[in-house]
C-alpha atoms as a PDB file:
ATOM      1  CA  UNK A   1     -22.089  -7.551   2.987  1.00  0.00           C
ATOM      2  CA  UNK A   2     -21.671  -5.511   6.104  1.00  0.00           C
ATOM      3  CA  UNK A   3     -24.410  -3.096   6.979  1.00  0.00           C
ATOM      4  CA  UNK A   4     -23.202   0.474   7.356  1.00  0.00           C
ATOM      5  CA  UNK A   5     -25.045   2.806   9.706  1.00  0.00           C
ATOM      6  CA  UNK A   6     -23.858   5.790  11.641  1.00  0.00           C
ATOM      7  CA  UNK A   7     -24.901   7.358  14.881  1.00  0.00           C
ATOM      8  CA  UNK A   8     -26.080  10.925  14.421  1.00  0.00           C
ATOM      9  CA  UNK A   9     -23.881  13.107  16.635  1.00  0.00           C
ATOM     10  CA  UNK A  10     -24.839  16.443  18.027  1.00  0.00           C
ATOM     11  CA  UNK A  11     -24.086  19.422  15.812  1.00  0.00           C
ATOM     12  CA  UNK A  12     -20.840  21.189  16.600  1.00  0.00           C
ATOM     13  CA  UNK A  13     -19.076  18.138  17.998  1.00  0.00           C
ATOM     14  CA  UNK A  14     -15.710  17.935  16.287  1.00  0.00           C
ATOM     15  CA  UNK A  15     -14.900  14.399  17.475  1.00  0.00           C
ATOM     16  CA  UNK A  16     -17.808  12.303  16.254  1.00  0.00           C
ATOM     17  CA  UNK A  17     -17.506   8.524  16.340  1.00  0.00           C
ATOM     18  CA  UNK A  18     -18.907   5.907  14.012  1.00  0.00           C
ATOM     19  CA  UNK A  19     -21.262   3.266  15.359  1.00  0.00           C
ATOM     20  CA  UNK A  20     -20.144  -0.350  15.536  1.00  0.00           C
ATOM     21  CA  UNK A  21     -22.403  -1.357  12.651  1.00  0.00           C
ATOM     22  CA  UNK A  22     -20.196   0.801  10.393  1.00  0.00           C
ATOM     23  CA  UNK A  23     -17.267  -1.528  11.125  1.00  0.00           C
ATOM     24  CA  UNK A  24     -14.639   1.130  10.568  1.00  0.00           C
ATOM     25  CA  UNK A  25     -12.614   0.469  13.718  1.00  0.00           C
ATOM     26  CA  UNK A  26     -12.861  -2.090  16.492  1.00  0.00           C
ATOM     27  CA  UNK A  27     -11.683   0.105  19.326  1.00  0.00           C
ATOM     28  CA  UNK A  28     -11.629   3.830  19.889  1.00  0.00           C
ATOM     29  CA  UNK A  29      -8.429   5.689  20.602  1.00  0.00           C
ATOM     30  CA  UNK A  30      -8.128   9.285  21.747  1.00  0.00           C
ATOM     31  CA  UNK A  31      -6.664  11.738  19.266  1.00  0.00           C
ATOM     32  CA  UNK A  32      -3.691  12.810  21.384  1.00  0.00           C
ATOM     33  CA  UNK A  33       0.000  12.303  21.894  1.00  0.00           C
ATOM     34  CA  UNK A  34      -0.779  10.326  25.029  1.00  0.00           C
ATOM     35  CA  UNK A  35      -1.868   7.477  22.800  1.00  0.00           C
ATOM     36  CA  UNK A  36       1.680   7.216  21.526  1.00  0.00           C
ATOM     37  CA  UNK A  37       3.096   7.246  25.060  1.00  0.00           C
ATOM     38  CA  UNK A  38       0.833   4.408  26.127  1.00  0.00           C
ATOM     39  CA  UNK A  39       1.432   2.395  22.967  1.00  0.00           C
ATOM     40  CA  UNK A  40       4.088   0.231  24.592  1.00  0.00           C
ATOM     41  CA  UNK A  41       1.627  -0.753  27.300  1.00  0.00           C
ATOM     42  CA  UNK A  42      -0.890  -1.833  24.684  1.00  0.00           C
ATOM     43  CA  UNK A  43       1.728  -3.774  22.760  1.00  0.00           C
ATOM     44  CA  UNK A  44       2.655  -5.798  25.810  1.00  0.00           C
ATOM     45  CA  UNK A  45      -0.818  -7.295  25.868  1.00  0.00           C
ATOM     46  CA  UNK A  46      -0.711  -8.354  22.247  1.00  0.00           C
ATOM     47  CA  UNK A  47       0.698 -11.544  20.893  1.00  0.00           C
ATOM     48  CA  UNK A  48       4.359 -11.112  19.907  1.00  0.00           C
ATOM     49  CA  UNK A  49       4.856 -10.064  16.296  1.00  0.00           C
ATOM     50  CA  UNK A  50       8.528  -9.141  16.206  1.00  0.00           C
ATOM     51  CA  UNK A  51      10.893 -10.976  13.942  1.00  0.00           C
ATOM     52  CA  UNK A  52      12.537 -12.934  16.744  1.00  0.00           C
ATOM     53  CA  UNK A  53       9.205 -14.562  17.548  1.00  0.00           C
ATOM     54  CA  UNK A  54       8.269 -15.012  13.901  1.00  0.00           C
ATOM     55  CA  UNK A  55      11.664 -16.454  13.059  1.00  0.00           C
ATOM     56  CA  UNK A  56      11.258 -19.142  15.715  1.00  0.00           C
ATOM     57  CA  UNK A  57       8.187 -20.364  13.834  1.00  0.00           C
ATOM     58  CA  UNK A  58       9.679 -19.910  10.370  1.00  0.00           C
ATOM     59  CA  UNK A  59      10.704 -22.882   8.165  1.00  0.00           C
ATOM     60  CA  UNK A  60      14.034 -24.495   8.963  1.00  0.00           C
ATOM     61  CA  UNK A  61      15.621 -23.258   5.710  1.00  0.00           C
ATOM     62  CA  UNK A  62      15.730 -19.775   7.267  1.00  0.00           C
ATOM     63  CA  UNK A  63      18.424 -21.031   9.634  1.00  0.00           C
ATOM     64  CA  UNK A  64      20.973 -20.892   6.787  1.00  0.00           C
ATOM     65  CA  UNK A  65      20.014 -17.332   5.884  1.00  0.00           C
ATOM     66  CA  UNK A  66      21.893 -14.381   7.354  1.00  0.00           C
ATOM     67  CA  UNK A  67      20.249 -12.390  10.123  1.00  0.00           C
ATOM     68  CA  UNK A  68      19.641  -8.734   9.384  1.00  0.00           C
ATOM     69  CA  UNK A  69      19.371  -6.157  12.174  1.00  0.00           C
ATOM     70  CA  UNK A  70      16.812  -3.410  11.655  1.00  0.00           C
ATOM     71  CA  UNK A  71      16.776  -0.202  13.691  1.00  0.00           C
ATOM     72  CA  UNK A  72      13.266   1.231  13.517  1.00  0.00           C
ATOM     73  CA  UNK A  73      11.701   4.549  14.470  1.00  0.00           C
ATOM     74  CA  UNK A  74      12.703   7.494  16.598  1.00  0.00           C
ATOM     75  CA  UNK A  75      13.131   5.194  19.594  1.00  0.00           C
ATOM     76  CA  UNK A  76      15.523   3.008  17.560  1.00  0.00           C
ATOM     77  CA  UNK A  77      13.729  -0.239  18.322  1.00  0.00           C
ATOM     78  CA  UNK A  78      15.755  -3.276  17.290  1.00  0.00           C
ATOM     79  CA  UNK A  79      14.285  -5.998  15.079  1.00  0.00           C
ATOM     80  CA  UNK A  80      15.967  -9.037  13.563  1.00  0.00           C
ATOM     81  CA  UNK A  81      14.878 -10.950  10.466  1.00  0.00           C
ATOM     82  CA  UNK A  82      16.279 -13.490   8.029  1.00  0.00           C
ATOM     83  CA  UNK A  83      17.728 -11.987   4.877  1.00  0.00           C
ATOM     84  CA  UNK A  84      15.821 -14.313   2.558  1.00  0.00           C
ATOM     85  CA  UNK A  85      12.540 -13.350   4.256  1.00  0.00           C
ATOM     86  CA  UNK A  86      13.242  -9.620   3.907  1.00  0.00           C
ATOM     87  CA  UNK A  87      14.249 -10.164   0.281  1.00  0.00           C
ATOM     88  CA  UNK A  88      10.628 -10.931  -0.593  1.00  0.00           C
ATOM     89  CA  UNK A  89      10.393  -7.140  -0.631  1.00  0.00           C
ATOM     90  CA  UNK A  90      12.029  -5.449  -3.650  1.00  0.00           C
ATOM     91  CA  UNK A  91      12.870  -2.524  -1.363  1.00  0.00           C
ATOM     92  CA  UNK A  92      14.859  -4.622   1.103  1.00  0.00           C
ATOM     93  CA  UNK A  93      16.341  -6.786  -1.614  1.00  0.00           C
ATOM     94  CA  UNK A  94      17.802  -3.682  -3.257  1.00  0.00           C
ATOM     95  CA  UNK A  95      19.095  -2.292   0.041  1.00  0.00           C
ATOM     96  CA  UNK A  96      20.757  -5.578   0.988  1.00  0.00           C
ATOM     97  CA  UNK A  97      22.351  -6.032  -2.437  1.00  0.00           C
ATOM     98  CA  UNK A  98      23.817  -2.534  -2.322  1.00  0.00           C
ATOM     99  CA  UNK A  99      25.250  -2.896   1.170  1.00  0.00           C
ATOM    100  CA  UNK A 100      28.986  -3.582   1.228  1.00  0.00           C
ATOM    101  CA  UNK A 101      28.940  -5.287   4.603  1.00  0.00           C
ATOM    102  CA  UNK A 102      29.997  -8.565   6.085  1.00  0.00           C
ATOM    103  CA  UNK A 103      27.152 -11.118   6.050  1.00  0.00           C
ATOM    104  CA  UNK A 104      27.286 -11.207   9.825  1.00  0.00           C
ATOM    105  CA  UNK A 105      26.828  -7.446  10.249  1.00  0.00           C
ATOM    106  CA  UNK A 106      23.984  -6.535   7.911  1.00  0.00           C
ATOM    107  CA  UNK A 107      22.054  -3.611   9.312  1.00  0.00           C
ATOM    108  CA  UNK A 108      19.210  -1.430   7.993  1.00  0.00           C
ATOM    109  CA  UNK A 109      18.016   1.812   9.557  1.00  0.00           C
ATOM    110  CA  UNK A 110      14.370   2.867   9.165  1.00  0.00           C
ATOM    111  CA  UNK A 111      14.104   6.066  11.229  1.00  0.00           C
ATOM    112  CA  UNK A 112      10.779   7.199   9.728  1.00  0.00           C
ATOM    113  CA  UNK A 113       8.941   3.904  10.222  1.00  0.00           C
ATOM    114  CA  UNK A 114       6.698   3.215  13.205  1.00  0.00           C
ATOM    115  CA  UNK A 115       7.862   0.088  15.115  1.00  0.00           C
ATOM    116  CA  UNK A 116       4.318  -1.200  15.491  1.00  0.00           C
ATOM    117  CA  UNK A 117       3.753  -0.942  11.746  1.00  0.00           C
ATOM    118  CA  UNK A 118       7.054  -2.601  10.891  1.00  0.00           C
ATOM    119  CA  UNK A 119       6.252  -5.403  13.320  1.00  0.00           C
ATOM    120  CA  UNK A 120       3.082  -6.108  11.329  1.00  0.00           C
ATOM    121  CA  UNK A 121       5.011  -6.019   8.056  1.00  0.00           C
ATOM    122  CA  UNK A 122       7.475  -8.590   9.418  1.00  0.00           C
ATOM    123  CA  UNK A 123       4.636 -10.751  10.677  1.00  0.00           C
ATOM    124  CA  UNK A 124       3.157 -10.723   7.171  1.00  0.00           C
ATOM    125  CA  UNK A 125       6.503 -11.654   5.591  1.00  0.00           C
ATOM    126  CA  UNK A 126       6.769 -14.692   7.870  1.00  0.00           C
ATOM    127  CA  UNK A 127       3.129 -15.743   8.138  1.00  0.00           C
ATOM    128  CA  UNK A 128       1.262 -14.289   5.156  1.00  0.00           C
ATOM    129  CA  UNK A 129      -0.980 -12.079   7.315  1.00  0.00           C
ATOM    130  CA  UNK A 130      -0.772  -9.833  10.354  1.00  0.00           C
ATOM    131  CA  UNK A 131      -2.744  -9.698  13.581  1.00  0.00           C
ATOM    132  CA  UNK A 132      -5.703  -9.679  13.739  1.00  0.00           C
ATOM    133  CA  UNK A 133      -5.964 -12.068  10.794  1.00  0.00           C
ATOM    134  CA  UNK A 134      -8.727 -12.107   8.213  1.00  0.00           C
ATOM    135  CA  UNK A 135     -11.309 -14.865   8.626  1.00  0.00           C
ATOM    136  CA  UNK A 136     -13.845 -15.786   5.968  1.00  0.00           C
ATOM    137  CA  UNK A 137     -17.400 -16.103   7.285  1.00  0.00           C
ATOM    138  CA  UNK A 138     -18.945 -18.749   5.035  1.00  0.00           C
ATOM    139  CA  UNK A 139     -22.490 -18.159   6.289  1.00  0.00           C
ATOM    140  CA  UNK A 140     -22.357 -14.456   5.445  1.00  0.00           C
ATOM    141  CA  UNK A 141     -19.902 -14.925   2.572  1.00  0.00           C
ATOM    142  CA  UNK A 142     -17.873 -12.044   3.932  1.00  0.00           C
ATOM    143  CA  UNK A 143     -14.501 -11.311   5.485  1.00  0.00           C
ATOM    144  CA  UNK A 144     -14.149 -10.528   9.168  1.00  0.00           C
ATOM    145  CA  UNK A 145     -11.323 -10.016  11.645  1.00  0.00           C
ATOM    146  CA  UNK A 146     -10.510 -12.825  14.029  1.00  0.00           C
ATOM    147  CA  UNK A 147     -11.778 -12.310  17.551  1.00  0.00           C
ATOM    148  CA  UNK A 148      -8.851 -11.778  19.927  1.00  0.00           C
ATOM    149  CA  UNK A 149      -8.753 -13.540  23.299  1.00  0.00           C
ATOM    150  CA  UNK A 150      -9.980 -11.594  26.296  1.00  0.00           C
ATOM    151  CA  UNK A 151      -6.474 -10.821  27.543  1.00  0.00           C
ATOM    152  CA  UNK A 152      -5.320  -9.507  24.149  1.00  0.00           C
ATOM    153  CA  UNK A 153      -6.264  -5.989  23.193  1.00  0.00           C
ATOM    154  CA  UNK A 154      -6.091  -4.828  19.603  1.00  0.00           C
ATOM    155  CA  UNK A 155      -5.837  -1.134  18.808  1.00  0.00           C
ATOM    156  CA  UNK A 156      -7.330  -0.109  15.466  1.00  0.00           C
ATOM    157  CA  UNK A 157      -5.212   3.041  15.423  1.00  0.00           C
ATOM    158  CA  UNK A 158      -1.538   3.806  15.848  1.00  0.00           C
ATOM    159  CA  UNK A 159       0.168   6.993  16.968  1.00  0.00           C
ATOM    160  CA  UNK A 160       2.277   8.225  14.067  1.00  0.00           C
ATOM    161  CA  UNK A 161       5.119  10.583  14.930  1.00  0.00           C
ATOM    162  CA  UNK A 162       5.181  11.979  11.404  1.00  0.00           C
ATOM    163  CA  UNK A 163       1.679  13.463  11.746  1.00  0.00           C
ATOM    164  CA  UNK A 164       1.731  13.758  15.534  1.00  0.00           C
ATOM    165  CA  UNK A 165      -1.604  12.015  15.854  1.00  0.00           C
ATOM    166  CA  UNK A 166      -3.622   8.841  15.477  1.00  0.00           C
ATOM    167  CA  UNK A 167      -4.044   7.064  12.149  1.00  0.00           C
ATOM    168  CA  UNK A 168      -5.850   3.889  11.198  1.00  0.00           C
ATOM    169  CA  UNK A 169      -3.274   1.132  11.469  1.00  0.00           C
ATOM    170  CA  UNK A 170      -4.393  -0.743   8.344  1.00  0.00           C
ATOM    171  CA  UNK A 171      -4.015   2.431   6.286  1.00  0.00           C
ATOM    172  CA  UNK A 172      -0.447   2.968   7.475  1.00  0.00           C
ATOM    173  CA  UNK A 173       0.347  -0.703   6.773  1.00  0.00           C
ATOM    174  CA  UNK A 174      -1.048  -0.324   3.238  1.00  0.00           C
ATOM    175  CA  UNK A 175       1.235   2.670   2.652  1.00  0.00           C
ATOM    176  CA  UNK A 176       4.203   0.771   4.105  1.00  0.00           C
ATOM    177  CA  UNK A 177       3.443  -2.119   1.733  1.00  0.00           C
ATOM    178  CA  UNK A 178       3.460   0.366  -1.152  1.00  0.00           C
ATOM    179  CA  UNK A 179       6.893   1.593  -0.046  1.00  0.00           C
ATOM    180  CA  UNK A 180       8.297  -1.938   0.314  1.00  0.00           C
ATOM    181  CA  UNK A 181       6.763  -3.237  -2.927  1.00  0.00           C
ATOM    182  CA  UNK A 182       4.538  -5.851  -1.250  1.00  0.00           C
ATOM    183  CA  UNK A 183       1.455  -5.980  -3.469  1.00  0.00           C
ATOM    184  CA  UNK A 184      -0.194  -8.887  -1.656  1.00  0.00           C
ATOM    185  CA  UNK A 185       0.175  -7.114   1.693  1.00  0.00           C
ATOM    186  CA  UNK A 186      -1.545  -4.113   0.110  1.00  0.00           C
ATOM    187  CA  UNK A 187      -4.476  -6.336  -0.839  1.00  0.00           C
ATOM    188  CA  UNK A 188      -4.674  -7.767   2.691  1.00  0.00           C
ATOM    189  CA  UNK A 189      -4.532  -4.317   4.305  1.00  0.00           C
ATOM    190  CA  UNK A 190      -7.116  -2.928   1.883  1.00  0.00           C
ATOM    191  CA  UNK A 191      -9.526  -5.742   2.694  1.00  0.00           C
ATOM    192  CA  UNK A 192      -9.171  -4.960   6.401  1.00  0.00           C
ATOM    193  CA  UNK A 193     -10.106  -1.310   5.882  1.00  0.00           C
ATOM    194  CA  UNK A 194     -13.578  -0.700   7.286  1.00  0.00           C
ATOM    195  CA  UNK A 195     -13.689  -3.824   9.473  1.00  0.00           C
ATOM    196  CA  UNK A 196     -13.140  -1.826  12.657  1.00  0.00           C
ATOM    197  CA  UNK A 197     -15.533   0.286  14.736  1.00  0.00           C
ATOM    198  CA  UNK A 198     -15.463   3.269  17.077  1.00  0.00           C
ATOM    199  CA  UNK A 199     -13.151   5.494  15.028  1.00  0.00           C
ATOM    200  CA  UNK A 200     -13.476   9.271  15.318  1.00  0.00           C
ATOM    201  CA  UNK A 201     -14.261  11.351  12.239  1.00  0.00           C
ATOM    202  CA  UNK A 202     -11.063  13.347  12.779  1.00  0.00           C
ATOM    203  CA  UNK A 203      -9.011  10.131  12.631  1.00  0.00           C
ATOM    204  CA  UNK A 204     -10.763   9.076   9.418  1.00  0.00           C
ATOM    205  CA  UNK A 205      -9.886  12.401   7.792  1.00  0.00           C
ATOM    206  CA  UNK A 206      -6.276  12.300   9.031  1.00  0.00           C
ATOM    207  CA  UNK A 207      -5.934   8.754   7.684  1.00  0.00           C
ATOM    208  CA  UNK A 208      -7.425   9.765   4.324  1.00  0.00           C
ATOM    209  CA  UNK A 209      -4.960  12.646   4.085  1.00  0.00           C
ATOM    210  CA  UNK A 210      -2.103  10.257   4.962  1.00  0.00           C
ATOM    211  CA  UNK A 211      -3.279   7.789   2.307  1.00  0.00           C
ATOM    212  CA  UNK A 212      -3.204  10.520  -0.337  1.00  0.00           C
ATOM    213  CA  UNK A 213       0.247  11.677   0.727  1.00  0.00           C
ATOM    214  CA  UNK A 214       1.765   8.171   0.718  1.00  0.00           C
ATOM    215  CA  UNK A 215       0.284   6.503  -2.349  1.00  0.00           C
ATOM    216  CA  UNK A 216       0.993   7.357  -6.011  1.00  0.00           C
ATOM    217  CA  UNK A 217      -1.690   8.889  -8.215  1.00  0.00           C
ATOM    218  CA  UNK A 218      -1.735   5.629 -10.188  1.00  0.00           C
ATOM    219  CA  UNK A 219      -2.922   3.706  -7.122  1.00  0.00           C
ATOM    220  CA  UNK A 220      -6.527   4.734  -6.488  1.00  0.00           C
ATOM    221  CA  UNK A 221      -7.794   1.774  -4.443  1.00  0.00           C
ATOM    222  CA  UNK A 222      -7.154   3.079  -0.936  1.00  0.00           C
ATOM    223  CA  UNK A 223      -8.114   6.613  -1.972  1.00  0.00           C
ATOM    224  CA  UNK A 224     -11.392   5.322  -3.420  1.00  0.00           C
ATOM    225  CA  UNK A 225     -12.103   3.531  -0.148  1.00  0.00           C
ATOM    226  CA  UNK A 226     -11.961   6.813   1.764  1.00  0.00           C
ATOM    227  CA  UNK A 227     -14.004   8.713  -0.818  1.00  0.00           C
ATOM    228  CA  UNK A 228     -16.739   6.063  -0.663  1.00  0.00           C
ATOM    229  CA  UNK A 229     -16.612   6.019   3.137  1.00  0.00           C
ATOM    230  CA  UNK A 230     -17.044   9.780   3.418  1.00  0.00           C
ATOM    231  CA  UNK A 231     -19.916   9.780   0.909  1.00  0.00           C
ATOM    232  CA  UNK A 232     -21.702   6.982   2.741  1.00  0.00           C
ATOM    233  CA  UNK A 233     -21.101   8.848   5.996  1.00  0.00           C
ATOM    234  CA  UNK A 234     -22.006  12.294   4.667  1.00  0.00           C
ATOM    235  CA  UNK A 235     -24.654  12.848   7.337  1.00  0.00           C
ATOM    236  CA  UNK A 236     -21.883  12.580   9.928  1.00  0.00           C
ATOM    237  CA  UNK A 237     -19.174  14.472   8.102  1.00  0.00           C
ATOM    238  CA  UNK A 238     -21.340  17.437   7.132  1.00  0.00           C
ATOM    239  CA  UNK A 239     -21.772  18.151  10.854  1.00  0.00           C
ATOM    240  CA  UNK A 240     -18.078  17.687  11.616  1.00  0.00           C
ATOM    241  CA  UNK A 241     -16.142  20.763  12.635  1.00  0.00           C
ATOM    242  CA  UNK A 242     -12.971  18.857  11.760  1.00  0.00           C
ATOM    243  CA  UNK A 243     -14.238  18.310   8.215  1.00  0.00           C
ATOM    244  CA  UNK A 244     -15.039  22.009   7.904  1.00  0.00           C
ATOM    245  CA  UNK A 245     -11.557  22.967   9.084  1.00  0.00           C
ATOM    246  CA  UNK A 246      -9.909  20.446   6.750  1.00  0.00           C
ATOM    247  CA  UNK A 247     -11.788  21.844   3.743  1.00  0.00           C
ATOM    248  CA  UNK A 248     -10.998  25.415   4.787  1.00  0.00           C
ATOM    249  CA  UNK A 249      -7.277  24.641   4.997  1.00  0.00           C
ATOM    250  CA  UNK A 250      -7.347  22.694   1.725  1.00  0.00           C
ATOM    251  CA  UNK A 251      -4.020  21.891   0.137  1.00  0.00           C
ATOM    252  CA  UNK A 252      -4.782  18.291  -0.817  1.00  0.00           C
ATOM    253  CA  UNK A 253      -6.143  16.376  -3.808  1.00  0.00           C
ATOM    254  CA  UNK A 254      -8.534  14.619  -1.454  1.00  0.00           C
ATOM    255  CA  UNK A 255     -11.246  17.264  -1.511  1.00  0.00           C
ATOM    256  CA  UNK A 256     -11.288  17.750  -5.282  1.00  0.00           C
ATOM    257  CA  UNK A 257     -11.617  13.981  -5.702  1.00  0.00           C
ATOM    258  CA  UNK A 258     -14.355  14.003  -3.086  1.00  0.00           C
ATOM    259  CA  UNK A 259     -16.194  16.731  -5.000  1.00  0.00           C
ATOM    260  CA  UNK A 260     -16.003  14.697  -8.230  1.00  0.00           C
ATOM    261  CA  UNK A 261     -17.122  11.521  -6.434  1.00  0.00           C
ATOM    262  CA  UNK A 262     -20.077  13.329  -4.877  1.00  0.00           C
ATOM    263  CA  UNK A 263     -21.082  14.722  -8.278  1.00  0.00           C
ATOM    264  CA  UNK A 264     -20.938  11.225  -9.754  1.00  0.00           C
ATOM    265  CA  UNK A 265     -22.980   9.913  -6.842  1.00  0.00           C
ATOM    266  CA  UNK A 266     -25.666  12.562  -7.386  1.00  0.00           C
ATOM    267  CA  UNK A 267     -25.676  11.846 -11.134  1.00  0.00           C
ATOM    268  CA  UNK A 268     -26.148   8.135 -10.469  1.00  0.00           C
ATOM    269  CA  UNK A 269     -29.071   8.826  -8.150  1.00  0.00           C
ATOM    270  CA  UNK A 270     -30.661  11.202 -10.666  1.00  0.00           C
ATOM    271  CA  UNK A 271     -30.194   8.703 -13.474  1.00  0.00           C
ATOM    272  CA  UNK A 272     -31.742   5.901 -11.427  1.00  0.00           C
ATOM    273  CA  UNK A 273     -34.746   8.035 -10.416  1.00  0.00           C
ATOM    274  CA  UNK A 274     -35.426   8.961 -14.067  1.00  0.00           C
ATOM    275  CA  UNK A 275     -35.255   5.365 -15.291  1.00  0.00           C
ATOM    276  CA  UNK A 276     -38.663   3.665 -15.681  1.00  0.00           C
ATOM    277  CA  UNK A 277     -39.339   1.122 -12.967  1.00  0.00           C
ATOM    278  CA  UNK A 278     -39.704  -1.709 -15.507  1.00  0.00           C
ATOM    279  CA  UNK A 279     -36.144  -1.101 -16.663  1.00  0.00           C
ATOM    280  CA  UNK A 280     -34.825  -1.044 -13.096  1.00  0.00           C
ATOM    281  CA  UNK A 281     -36.660  -4.098 -11.837  1.00  0.00           C
ATOM    282  CA  UNK A 282     -33.907  -6.515 -12.770  1.00  0.00           C
ATOM    283  CA  UNK A 283     -31.050  -4.454 -11.401  1.00  0.00           C
ATOM    284  CA  UNK A 284     -29.403  -5.502  -8.155  1.00  0.00           C
ATOM    285  CA  UNK A 285     -29.133  -3.005  -5.350  1.00  0.00           C
END
């Protein structure tokens, strides 16, 4: 299990970062629109994850499947993928079945999707994971992210035009997987949550708010991750001006759920402290 410790920031600092031992994000990104402008430069240093690259490595049976053109994001980035690969997603399967187009001119527009996120979704559809991949550490019996080569730089956050700010990439991928009906991708993205470091408190809160807005009430796994993270990190968040402003503005289920989770946490602590030591001796921490 990963140890979770936080640096104690100075009071009044609204952009506090988590220490590396927290493993919330592997690289720190500034909370500004400039991050979105420079995103293309970062992507050029990563390994290719677009469908044209993935398709070259895909099984030969994809060669008999029609190619679908996908126009993604405000910049209208062009992706191409095999129809049978896209059809693993109930969302795309339905769209393709309802399109009355020639097999040679299939086209899907995704104006609200971020190209970087969709690239990761395509990589998962072709390869079963997305970069950086999960690696099981047998000695620690834990999951970790693969170490990228020196020349490759992985950004833990992505600039999202819908919120005009930085969000944790794995959280946005989880929400995209929910939209596309890819349950296994949701499990992969959820497992990657918290394996990064150097993420600002403001980005954590923005990502939590995004998770609540883009997951149904019946899906509590990603929401629970953020509630647990904030409770574990309460010494950091209680000094966060961003947290104070978020709670003042309200308007989200997040903070009521957080209140309930904190009450449960306090009740658990009180119950444990009132239990005789002999009864607690056999309980795991």
